[in-house]
Amino acid sequence: MTRLSVEMLAADAPPPITSAGHAQLGIAVLVGIAVIVLLITKFKLHAFLALTIGSLALGAVAGAPLDKAITSFTSGLGSTVAGVGVLIALGAILGKLLADSGGADQIVDTILAKAGGRAMPWAMVLIASVVGLPLFFEVGIVLLIPVVLMVAKRGNYSLMRIGIPALAGLSVMHGLIPPHPGPLVAIDAVKANLGVTLALGIVVAVPTVIIAGPLFSKVAARWVDVPAPDRMLPQRASEQLERRPGFGPTLATVLLPVVLMLAKALVDIVVDDPADHTQRVFDVIGSPLIALLAAVIAGFFTLGRPAGFTRDRLQQTVEKGLMPIAGILLIVGAGGGFKQTLIDSGVGQMILDISKDWSIPALLLAWLIAVAIRLATGSATVATVSAAGLVAPLAADMSTTHTALLVLAIGAGSLFFSHVNDAGFWLVKEYFGLKVGQTVKTWSLMETIISVVAGGLVLLLSLIV
């Protein structure tokens, strides 16, 4: 599971599948990850099958009954697909509609005209940071990936030079800045001030995203020089189109879900009353599913109609948009299944138990605990929630600013080294057409840079404020 919403975390989970000792659990984690990596890299097995087999191997080594391991895997797969599957599908439809109508061409041509050359990576990180502020990570990816791929292809840029800044902007916003679910949960757990946390989060986020985005992308582009994958690249609209949507309506359609979700977040912060009618309305229209669905429906009129699409042509666009994502959905879902097997086997609790005896500063302890749980489970939100619950008592004697920094330390640690047990890892791999090793050199290392730089800045700020 990657970056699940608070609502998903509250859902019923299957009971723990084993009570194995810490040593056995540690071995089980290593075996499970080793099986996945070996099957994919050595035997060239499809990632969906490798994740499925690796999850069963993990459960077996951990001493779990096979039926319980299967239940955990299928539960995790189902909850992950339920959380991100529809969003990926709606994003794919919107992306295909943007491409076929010429709207995406309009956006790309305008961006290329306004921010060419060396400014392009900086433009991408700015766009991703703004768009990613109110969005779940997966939603931001499905909205931005078509633009990233087309800018890289048509502007003759390295895919990593454009893609890494966009991913960095989305990831930093997700881990550090409310109203994302992870930071909000941590703020509630340690009783931090949301306004102070937001302000300090921006202070930490700006240099972090610059280092992990435009600057690191120079290195990543030299390490992994790959073209934008044609199978995921929306093709330029047919030259036979007599007209295409204007830049304004196209941008408004793309930003519609962003605006709706941001409005929901602002209303939640200002009103903070679940019984309030206004908040309940915005909770509905600002949910990711409704917001993206609204953008797709709006796109039929703002994109399809200006391009002269008939109803049959719109139906064909929807069908073609859904075709390429079947494999991605299965891989992302299997990653969630592997994660759930880890959690139900007791790996997260094992990390918490071991870390209780560590005698180090609270901010560093919070970062390390979040790192350990992130590595074990692959979930940034699970790492944030678990670490916040463990270190919450330490916040009792902290100042307002240091309590906010505690939240940021947890958020920074929760982003450390995304790998094969993180569905986000597979999202990036499949969308960018990378191999596992290439994904580690780019995406995984970028996440680690974000975590380390943000954690270091938090510790530095603790000495100043």
Protein backbone atom coordinates (compact mmCIF):
# COMPACT_ATOMS: atom_id res chain seq x y z
CA MET A 1 0.00 0.00 0.00
CA THR A 2 1.30 3.39 -0.85
CA ARG A 3 0.09 6.62 0.60
CA LEU A 4 -3.39 5.55 1.67
CA SER A 5 -6.03 7.96 2.83
CA VAL A 6 -7.04 8.22 6.46
CA GLU A 7 -10.38 6.68 5.56
CA MET A 8 -8.68 3.59 4.15
CA LEU A 9 -6.53 3.22 7.24
CA ALA A 10 -9.67 3.19 9.33
CA ALA A 11 -11.12 0.32 7.33
CA ASP A 12 -11.36 -3.11 8.85
CA ALA A 13 -8.11 -5.04 8.49
CA PRO A 14 -7.63 -8.79 8.71
CA PRO A 15 -6.35 -10.14 12.01
CA PRO A 16 -2.58 -10.66 12.48
CA ILE A 17 -1.47 -13.82 10.70
CA THR A 18 1.42 -14.81 12.92
CA SER A 19 3.04 -14.27 16.30
CA ALA A 20 6.54 -15.16 15.12
CA GLY A 21 9.57 -13.84 16.97
CA HIS A 22 11.50 -10.78 15.87
CA ALA A 23 14.34 -12.77 14.30
CA GLN A 24 11.95 -14.91 12.27
CA LEU A 25 10.04 -11.84 11.10
CA GLY A 26 13.27 -10.13 10.06
CA ILE A 27 14.28 -13.17 8.01
CA ALA A 28 10.78 -13.35 6.49
CA VAL A 29 11.01 -9.73 5.30
CA LEU A 30 14.41 -10.32 3.71
CA VAL A 31 13.22 -13.53 2.02
CA GLY A 32 10.05 -11.93 0.68
CA ILE A 33 11.87 -8.94 -0.81
CA ALA A 34 14.67 -11.16 -2.18
CA VAL A 35 12.15 -13.44 -3.92
CA ILE A 36 10.46 -10.48 -5.60
CA VAL A 37 13.69 -8.89 -6.78
CA LEU A 38 15.10 -12.23 -7.98
CA LEU A 39 11.97 -13.21 -9.91
CA ILE A 40 11.79 -9.85 -11.66
CA THR A 41 15.47 -9.29 -12.40
CA LYS A 42 16.78 -12.82 -12.93
CA PHE A 43 13.79 -14.73 -14.27
CA LYS A 44 12.06 -11.76 -15.94
CA LEU A 45 8.73 -12.68 -14.35
CA HIS A 46 5.92 -10.14 -14.53
CA ALA A 47 5.89 -7.92 -11.45
CA PHE A 48 2.31 -8.91 -10.57
CA LEU A 49 3.25 -12.59 -10.35
CA ALA A 50 6.53 -11.84 -8.56
CA LEU A 51 4.76 -9.76 -5.90
CA THR A 52 2.14 -12.46 -5.42
CA ILE A 53 4.74 -15.22 -4.99
CA GLY A 54 6.91 -13.01 -2.77
CA SER A 55 3.97 -12.27 -0.48
CA LEU A 56 3.24 -15.98 -0.04
CA ALA A 57 6.93 -16.67 0.62
CA LEU A 58 6.95 -13.95 3.27
CA GLY A 59 3.91 -15.43 4.99
CA ALA A 60 5.35 -18.95 4.88
CA VAL A 61 8.72 -17.95 6.38
CA ALA A 62 6.93 -15.87 9.04
CA GLY A 63 5.07 -19.01 10.11
CA ALA A 64 1.64 -17.94 8.91
CA PRO A 65 -1.04 -20.45 7.86
CA LEU A 66 -1.30 -20.30 4.08
CA ASP A 67 -4.98 -19.35 4.14
CA LYS A 68 -4.25 -16.39 6.43
CA ALA A 69 -1.40 -15.22 4.20
CA ILE A 70 -3.69 -15.41 1.17
CA THR A 71 -6.37 -13.44 3.02
CA SER A 72 -3.88 -10.71 3.92
CA PHE A 73 -2.57 -10.48 0.36
CA THR A 74 -6.01 -10.33 -1.26
CA SER A 75 -7.22 -7.84 1.34
CA GLY A 76 -4.27 -5.54 0.67
CA LEU A 77 -4.68 -5.91 -3.08
CA GLY A 78 -8.37 -5.10 -2.87
CA SER A 79 -7.97 -2.08 -0.59
CA THR A 80 -5.19 -0.64 -2.74
CA VAL A 81 -7.11 -1.03 -5.99
CA ALA A 82 -10.21 0.36 -4.28
CA GLY A 83 -8.23 3.38 -3.15
CA VAL A 84 -6.27 4.17 -6.31
CA GLY A 85 -7.72 2.02 -9.08
CA VAL A 86 -10.68 4.24 -9.95
CA LEU A 87 -8.48 7.33 -9.68
CA ILE A 88 -5.96 5.84 -12.11
CA ALA A 89 -8.78 4.93 -14.50
CA LEU A 90 -10.36 8.38 -14.39
CA GLY A 91 -6.96 10.01 -14.79
CA ALA A 92 -6.25 7.80 -17.81
CA ILE A 93 -9.56 8.79 -19.43
CA LEU A 94 -8.86 12.47 -18.79
CA GLY A 95 -5.34 12.10 -20.16
CA LYS A 96 -6.56 10.38 -23.33
CA LEU A 97 -9.26 13.01 -23.80
CA LEU A 98 -6.66 15.74 -23.40
CA ALA A 99 -4.44 14.06 -25.99
CA ASP A 100 -7.04 13.20 -28.64
CA SER A 101 -8.74 16.59 -28.49
CA GLY A 102 -5.48 18.48 -28.87
CA GLY A 103 -5.85 20.02 -25.40
CA ALA A 104 -2.69 18.38 -24.11
CA ASP A 105 -0.86 19.64 -27.21
CA GLN A 106 -2.03 23.11 -26.33
CA ILE A 107 -0.68 22.83 -22.79
CA VAL A 108 2.66 21.38 -23.92
CA ASP A 109 3.13 23.90 -26.71
CA THR A 110 2.41 26.76 -24.31
CA ILE A 111 4.79 25.42 -21.66
CA LEU A 112 7.53 24.85 -24.23
CA ALA A 113 7.06 28.37 -25.56
CA LYS A 114 7.16 30.01 -22.13
CA ALA A 115 9.78 27.93 -20.28
CA GLY A 116 12.22 26.32 -22.64
CA GLY A 117 15.77 25.18 -22.14
CA ARG A 118 17.20 25.11 -18.65
CA ALA A 119 14.05 26.59 -17.11
CA MET A 120 11.91 23.54 -17.95
CA PRO A 121 12.86 21.37 -14.90
CA TRP A 122 12.16 24.35 -12.63
CA ALA A 123 8.83 24.93 -14.32
CA MET A 124 7.92 21.27 -13.82
CA VAL A 125 8.79 21.28 -10.12
CA LEU A 126 6.77 24.47 -9.60
CA ILE A 127 3.75 23.06 -11.41
CA ALA A 128 3.97 19.75 -9.53
CA SER A 129 4.32 21.47 -6.16
CA VAL A 130 1.29 23.67 -6.74
CA VAL A 131 -0.82 20.86 -8.17
CA GLY A 132 0.37 18.41 -5.51
CA LEU A 133 -0.58 20.64 -2.58
CA PRO A 134 -4.18 19.40 -2.24
CA LEU A 135 -3.82 16.09 -4.13
CA PHE A 136 -3.12 12.53 -3.12
CA PHE A 137 0.13 11.36 -4.66
CA GLU A 138 -1.53 8.96 -7.11
CA VAL A 139 -3.94 11.65 -8.35
CA GLY A 140 -1.07 14.04 -8.97
CA ILE A 141 0.80 11.38 -10.92
CA VAL A 142 -2.08 10.53 -13.24
CA LEU A 143 -2.69 14.23 -13.92
CA LEU A 144 0.94 15.18 -14.54
CA ILE A 145 2.42 12.11 -16.23
CA PRO A 146 0.89 12.84 -19.68
CA VAL A 147 2.36 16.34 -19.57
CA VAL A 148 5.74 15.05 -18.37
CA LEU A 149 5.94 12.44 -21.13
CA MET A 150 4.91 14.82 -23.89
CA VAL A 151 7.23 17.62 -22.77
CA ALA A 152 10.12 15.16 -22.64
CA LYS A 153 9.30 13.67 -26.04
CA ARG A 154 8.46 16.75 -28.03
CA GLY A 155 10.96 19.07 -26.37
CA ASN A 156 13.71 16.44 -26.77
CA TYR A 157 14.47 16.48 -23.03
CA SER A 158 15.75 13.62 -20.95
CA LEU A 159 12.77 11.89 -19.32
CA MET A 160 14.52 11.97 -15.94
CA ARG A 161 15.35 15.67 -16.33
CA ILE A 162 11.63 16.44 -16.57
CA GLY A 163 10.10 13.57 -14.57
CA ILE A 164 12.22 13.75 -11.40
CA PRO A 165 11.34 17.41 -10.64
CA ALA A 166 7.64 16.63 -11.07
CA LEU A 167 7.84 13.56 -8.82
CA ALA A 168 9.85 15.48 -6.22
CA GLY A 169 7.26 18.24 -6.06
CA LEU A 170 4.43 15.75 -5.56
CA SER A 171 6.30 13.67 -2.98
CA VAL A 172 7.47 16.59 -0.83
CA MET A 173 3.96 18.00 -0.67
CA HIS A 174 2.60 14.58 0.30
CA GLY A 175 5.04 13.94 3.14
CA LEU A 176 5.45 17.37 4.70
CA ILE A 177 2.56 19.70 3.97
CA PRO A 178 -0.98 19.53 5.36
CA PRO A 179 -3.76 18.96 4.30
CA HIS A 180 -2.29 15.63 3.19
CA PRO A 181 -3.53 12.80 5.43
CA GLY A 182 -0.14 11.79 6.85
CA PRO A 183 0.81 15.22 8.23
CA LEU A 184 -2.74 15.80 9.48
CA VAL A 185 -2.72 12.53 11.42
CA ALA A 186 0.68 13.35 12.93
CA ILE A 187 -0.47 16.87 13.85
CA ASP A 188 -3.46 15.42 15.67
CA ALA A 189 -1.40 12.72 17.41
CA VAL A 190 1.23 15.06 18.86
CA LYS A 191 -1.19 18.00 19.31
CA ALA A 192 0.80 20.32 17.03
CA ASN A 193 -0.37 23.68 15.72
CA LEU A 194 -1.46 23.28 12.11
CA GLY A 195 -0.55 26.83 11.06
CA VAL A 196 2.95 26.63 12.55
CA THR A 197 3.47 23.19 11.03
CA LEU A 198 2.37 24.45 7.62
CA ALA A 199 4.69 27.48 7.82
CA LEU A 200 7.72 25.45 8.94
CA GLY A 201 6.82 22.76 6.43
CA ILE A 202 7.10 25.27 3.59
CA VAL A 203 10.47 26.42 4.94
CA VAL A 204 11.70 22.82 4.85
CA ALA A 205 9.95 21.89 1.60
CA VAL A 206 11.39 24.63 -0.64
CA PRO A 207 15.11 23.75 -0.37
CA THR A 208 14.27 20.05 -0.20
CA VAL A 209 12.34 20.03 -3.47
CA ILE A 210 15.03 22.09 -5.19
CA ILE A 211 17.79 19.64 -4.21
CA ALA A 212 15.79 16.46 -4.89
CA GLY A 213 14.13 17.85 -8.03
CA PRO A 214 15.94 20.05 -10.54
CA LEU A 215 19.41 19.51 -9.06
CA PHE A 216 19.25 15.73 -8.62
CA SER A 217 17.57 15.34 -12.00
CA LYS A 218 20.86 16.33 -13.64
CA VAL A 219 22.54 13.32 -12.05
CA ALA A 220 19.59 11.00 -12.61
CA ALA A 221 19.49 11.89 -16.31
CA ARG A 222 23.14 10.80 -16.67
CA TRP A 223 22.57 7.54 -14.77
CA VAL A 224 19.34 6.58 -16.53
CA ASP A 225 19.02 7.92 -20.05
CA VAL A 226 15.73 6.55 -21.34
CA PRO A 227 13.18 7.95 -23.78
CA ALA A 228 9.55 8.54 -22.91
CA PRO A 229 7.75 5.18 -23.41
CA ASP A 230 5.56 5.28 -26.50
CA ARG A 231 3.02 2.85 -25.00
CA MET A 232 2.15 5.36 -22.26
CA LEU A 233 2.72 8.49 -24.35
CA PRO A 234 -0.46 10.19 -25.53
CA GLN A 235 0.03 10.81 -29.24
CA ARG A 236 -0.28 14.28 -30.72
CA ALA A 237 -3.81 14.99 -31.88
CA SER A 238 -4.46 14.20 -35.51
CA GLU A 239 -3.48 16.96 -37.90
CA GLN A 240 -6.88 16.45 -39.47
CA LEU A 241 -8.52 18.18 -36.52
CA GLU A 242 -9.79 21.53 -37.73
CA ARG A 243 -9.50 23.07 -34.28
CA ARG A 244 -8.44 22.26 -30.73
CA PRO A 245 -9.44 23.61 -27.29
CA GLY A 246 -7.97 26.86 -26.09
CA PHE A 247 -5.31 26.98 -23.37
CA GLY A 248 -7.67 28.55 -20.82
CA PRO A 249 -10.47 25.96 -20.98
CA THR A 250 -7.93 23.12 -21.12
CA LEU A 251 -6.04 24.37 -18.06
CA ALA A 252 -9.32 24.96 -16.22
CA THR A 253 -10.37 21.36 -16.90
CA VAL A 254 -7.08 19.96 -15.62
CA LEU A 255 -7.15 22.16 -12.53
CA LEU A 256 -10.83 21.51 -11.73
CA PRO A 257 -10.10 18.49 -9.44
CA VAL A 258 -7.26 20.45 -7.83
CA VAL A 259 -9.58 23.36 -7.04
CA LEU A 260 -12.35 21.11 -5.71
CA MET A 261 -10.02 19.16 -3.41
CA LEU A 262 -8.27 22.29 -2.23
CA ALA A 263 -11.67 23.85 -1.45
CA LYS A 264 -12.57 20.77 0.60
CA ALA A 265 -9.30 21.01 2.54
CA LEU A 266 -9.81 24.70 3.29
CA VAL A 267 -13.41 24.16 4.42
CA ASP A 268 -12.30 21.27 6.66
CA ILE A 269 -9.69 23.51 8.29
CA VAL A 270 -11.95 26.56 8.71
CA VAL A 271 -15.22 24.86 9.68
CA ASP A 272 -14.00 21.70 11.45
CA ASP A 273 -17.54 20.53 12.22
CA PRO A 274 -18.60 17.21 10.65
CA ALA A 275 -22.26 18.10 11.22
CA ASP A 276 -22.01 21.39 9.30
CA HIS A 277 -23.93 21.27 6.02
CA THR A 278 -21.32 23.23 4.06
CA GLN A 279 -18.52 20.94 5.18
CA ARG A 280 -20.52 17.86 4.26
CA VAL A 281 -21.16 19.24 0.75
CA PHE A 282 -17.47 19.97 0.22
CA ASP A 283 -16.53 16.57 1.64
CA VAL A 284 -18.46 15.07 -1.27
CA ILE A 285 -17.49 17.33 -4.17
CA GLY A 286 -13.90 17.55 -2.95
CA SER A 287 -13.33 13.80 -2.68
CA PRO A 288 -10.73 12.59 -5.22
CA LEU A 289 -13.21 10.34 -7.00
CA ILE A 290 -15.91 13.00 -7.47
CA ALA A 291 -13.35 15.70 -8.32
CA LEU A 292 -11.74 13.61 -11.06
CA LEU A 293 -15.10 12.39 -12.32
CA ALA A 294 -16.26 16.00 -12.58
CA ALA A 295 -13.15 16.86 -14.59
CA VAL A 296 -13.79 13.97 -17.00
CA ILE A 297 -17.42 14.99 -17.52
CA ALA A 298 -16.44 18.63 -17.92
CA GLY A 299 -13.79 17.55 -20.41
CA PHE A 300 -16.46 16.10 -22.69
CA PHE A 301 -17.74 19.67 -23.16
CA THR A 302 -14.58 21.79 -22.79
CA LEU A 303 -12.27 19.46 -24.75
CA GLY A 304 -14.32 17.06 -26.85
CA ARG A 305 -16.89 19.52 -28.18
CA PRO A 306 -14.38 22.22 -29.28
CA ALA A 307 -12.45 19.47 -31.12
CA GLY A 308 -15.61 18.41 -32.94
CA PHE A 309 -15.93 14.98 -31.27
CA THR A 310 -19.13 13.01 -31.78
CA ARG A 311 -20.59 10.79 -29.06
CA ASP A 312 -19.09 7.73 -30.74
CA ARG A 313 -15.67 9.37 -30.85
CA LEU A 314 -15.91 10.21 -27.15
CA GLN A 315 -16.80 6.60 -26.37
CA GLN A 316 -13.79 5.39 -28.36
CA THR A 317 -11.54 7.81 -26.49
CA VAL A 318 -12.72 6.49 -23.14
CA GLU A 319 -12.16 2.87 -24.21
CA LYS A 320 -8.68 3.57 -25.58
CA GLY A 321 -7.76 5.48 -22.45
CA LEU A 322 -8.57 2.49 -20.24
CA MET A 323 -6.70 -0.15 -22.26
CA PRO A 324 -3.07 0.59 -21.22
CA ILE A 325 -3.70 0.66 -17.46
CA ALA A 326 -4.76 -2.96 -16.83
CA GLY A 327 -1.22 -4.12 -16.10
CA ILE A 328 -0.50 -1.07 -13.96
CA LEU A 329 -3.58 -1.69 -11.81
CA LEU A 330 -2.58 -5.31 -11.18
CA ILE A 331 1.00 -4.43 -10.27
CA VAL A 332 -0.03 -1.58 -7.96
CA GLY A 333 -2.64 -3.82 -6.34
CA ALA A 334 -0.12 -6.65 -5.81
CA GLY A 335 2.24 -4.15 -4.20
CA GLY A 336 -0.55 -3.29 -1.78
CA GLY A 337 -1.07 -7.01 -1.11
CA PHE A 338 2.59 -7.47 -0.25
CA LYS A 339 2.40 -4.49 2.07
CA GLN A 340 -0.64 -5.87 3.89
CA THR A 341 1.09 -9.21 4.36
CA LEU A 342 4.00 -7.37 5.97
CA ILE A 343 1.72 -5.45 8.30
CA ASP A 344 -0.40 -8.44 9.31
CA SER A 345 2.68 -10.54 10.01
CA GLY A 346 3.63 -8.02 12.70
CA VAL A 347 6.65 -6.39 11.04
CA GLY A 348 5.56 -2.83 11.85
CA GLN A 349 4.96 -3.70 15.50
CA MET A 350 8.33 -5.46 15.62
CA ILE A 351 10.09 -2.25 14.53
CA LEU A 352 8.20 -0.25 17.16
CA ASP A 353 9.08 -2.73 19.91
CA ILE A 354 12.78 -2.70 19.08
CA SER A 355 12.97 1.10 18.80
CA LYS A 356 11.55 1.74 22.28
CA ASP A 357 14.97 1.26 23.85
CA TRP A 358 16.83 3.68 21.59
CA SER A 359 18.33 6.61 23.60
CA ILE A 360 18.53 9.43 21.06
CA PRO A 361 16.96 12.91 20.59
CA ALA A 362 13.22 12.89 20.01
CA LEU A 363 13.33 14.41 16.51
CA LEU A 364 15.95 11.95 15.31
CA LEU A 365 14.13 9.07 17.01
CA ALA A 366 10.90 10.03 15.24
CA TRP A 367 12.71 10.16 11.89
CA LEU A 368 14.42 6.79 12.41
CA ILE A 369 11.24 5.03 13.49
CA ALA A 370 9.36 6.37 10.47
CA VAL A 371 12.26 5.27 8.24
CA ALA A 372 12.24 1.74 9.68
CA ILE A 373 8.48 1.30 9.28
CA ARG A 374 8.57 2.81 5.80
CA LEU A 375 11.28 0.33 4.74
CA ALA A 376 9.39 -2.59 6.25
CA THR A 377 5.85 -1.81 5.07
CA GLY A 378 6.31 0.48 2.06
CA SER A 379 3.57 2.82 3.29
CA ALA A 380 4.38 6.44 4.04
CA THR A 381 1.06 6.94 5.81
CA VAL A 382 1.42 3.81 7.97
CA ALA A 383 4.93 4.95 8.88
CA THR A 384 3.65 8.39 9.80
CA VAL A 385 0.74 7.14 11.89
CA SER A 386 2.82 4.51 13.74
CA ALA A 387 5.75 6.81 14.45
CA ALA A 388 3.48 9.64 15.58
CA GLY A 389 1.69 7.34 18.00
CA LEU A 390 4.97 6.15 19.47
CA VAL A 391 6.61 9.55 19.99
CA ALA A 392 3.45 11.48 20.92
CA PRO A 393 4.22 11.36 24.68
CA LEU A 394 7.54 13.09 23.99
CA ALA A 395 5.71 16.15 22.66
CA ALA A 396 4.14 16.96 26.03
CA ASP A 397 7.09 19.09 27.16
CA MET A 398 7.95 20.55 23.75
CA SER A 399 7.40 24.12 22.58
CA THR A 400 4.92 24.86 19.81
CA THR A 401 7.64 25.11 17.17
CA HIS A 402 9.42 21.92 18.26
CA THR A 403 6.13 20.02 18.28
CA ALA A 404 5.60 21.14 14.69
CA LEU A 405 9.15 20.05 13.84
CA LEU A 406 8.37 16.65 15.36
CA VAL A 407 5.57 16.27 12.80
CA LEU A 408 7.94 17.23 9.99
CA ALA A 409 10.61 14.81 11.21
CA ILE A 410 8.07 12.00 11.06
CA GLY A 411 6.92 13.06 7.61
CA ALA A 412 10.49 13.23 6.33
CA GLY A 413 11.29 9.74 7.64
CA SER A 414 8.14 8.31 6.07
CA LEU A 415 9.47 9.08 2.57
CA PHE A 416 12.77 7.20 2.91
CA PHE A 417 13.82 4.83 0.07
CA SER A 418 10.67 3.64 -1.65
CA HIS A 419 11.30 0.13 -3.00
CA VAL A 420 9.49 -3.02 -4.16
CA ASN A 421 6.94 -3.07 -1.33
CA ASP A 422 5.66 0.42 -2.20
CA ALA A 423 2.95 0.63 -4.84
CA GLY A 424 4.30 4.08 -5.73
CA PHE A 425 7.52 2.37 -6.83
CA TRP A 426 5.58 0.32 -9.38
CA LEU A 427 3.51 3.29 -10.51
CA VAL A 428 6.65 5.23 -11.41
CA LYS A 429 8.33 2.18 -12.96
CA GLU A 430 5.42 1.38 -15.25
CA TYR A 431 4.50 4.93 -16.23
CA PHE A 432 8.12 5.78 -17.12
CA GLY A 433 8.87 2.38 -18.67
CA LEU A 434 11.87 1.74 -16.39
CA LYS A 435 13.56 -1.44 -15.21
CA VAL A 436 13.66 -2.22 -11.49
CA GLY A 437 17.30 -1.15 -11.19
CA GLN A 438 16.65 2.08 -13.05
CA THR A 439 13.71 2.86 -10.79
CA VAL A 440 15.92 2.38 -7.73
CA LYS A 441 18.61 4.70 -9.18
CA THR A 442 16.08 7.45 -9.86
CA TRP A 443 12.81 7.28 -7.90
CA SER A 444 14.10 5.41 -4.82
CA LEU A 445 17.19 7.59 -4.52
CA MET A 446 15.13 10.75 -5.04
CA GLU A 447 12.85 9.72 -2.17
CA THR A 448 15.90 9.06 0.01
CA ILE A 449 17.33 12.50 -0.79
CA ILE A 450 14.02 14.11 0.15
CA SER A 451 13.95 12.21 3.44
CA VAL A 452 17.56 12.94 4.41
CA VAL A 453 17.57 16.59 3.34
CA ALA A 454 14.22 17.34 5.00
CA GLY A 455 15.27 15.47 8.17
CA GLY A 456 18.54 17.40 8.30
CA LEU A 457 16.76 20.73 7.84
CA VAL A 458 14.34 19.86 10.62
CA LEU A 459 17.23 19.13 12.99
CA LEU A 460 18.91 22.38 11.94
CA LEU A 461 15.74 24.38 12.53
CA SER A 462 15.42 22.82 15.98
CA LEU A 463 18.69 24.53 16.92
CA ILE A 464 17.44 27.92 15.69
CA VAL A 465 13.75 28.20 16.58
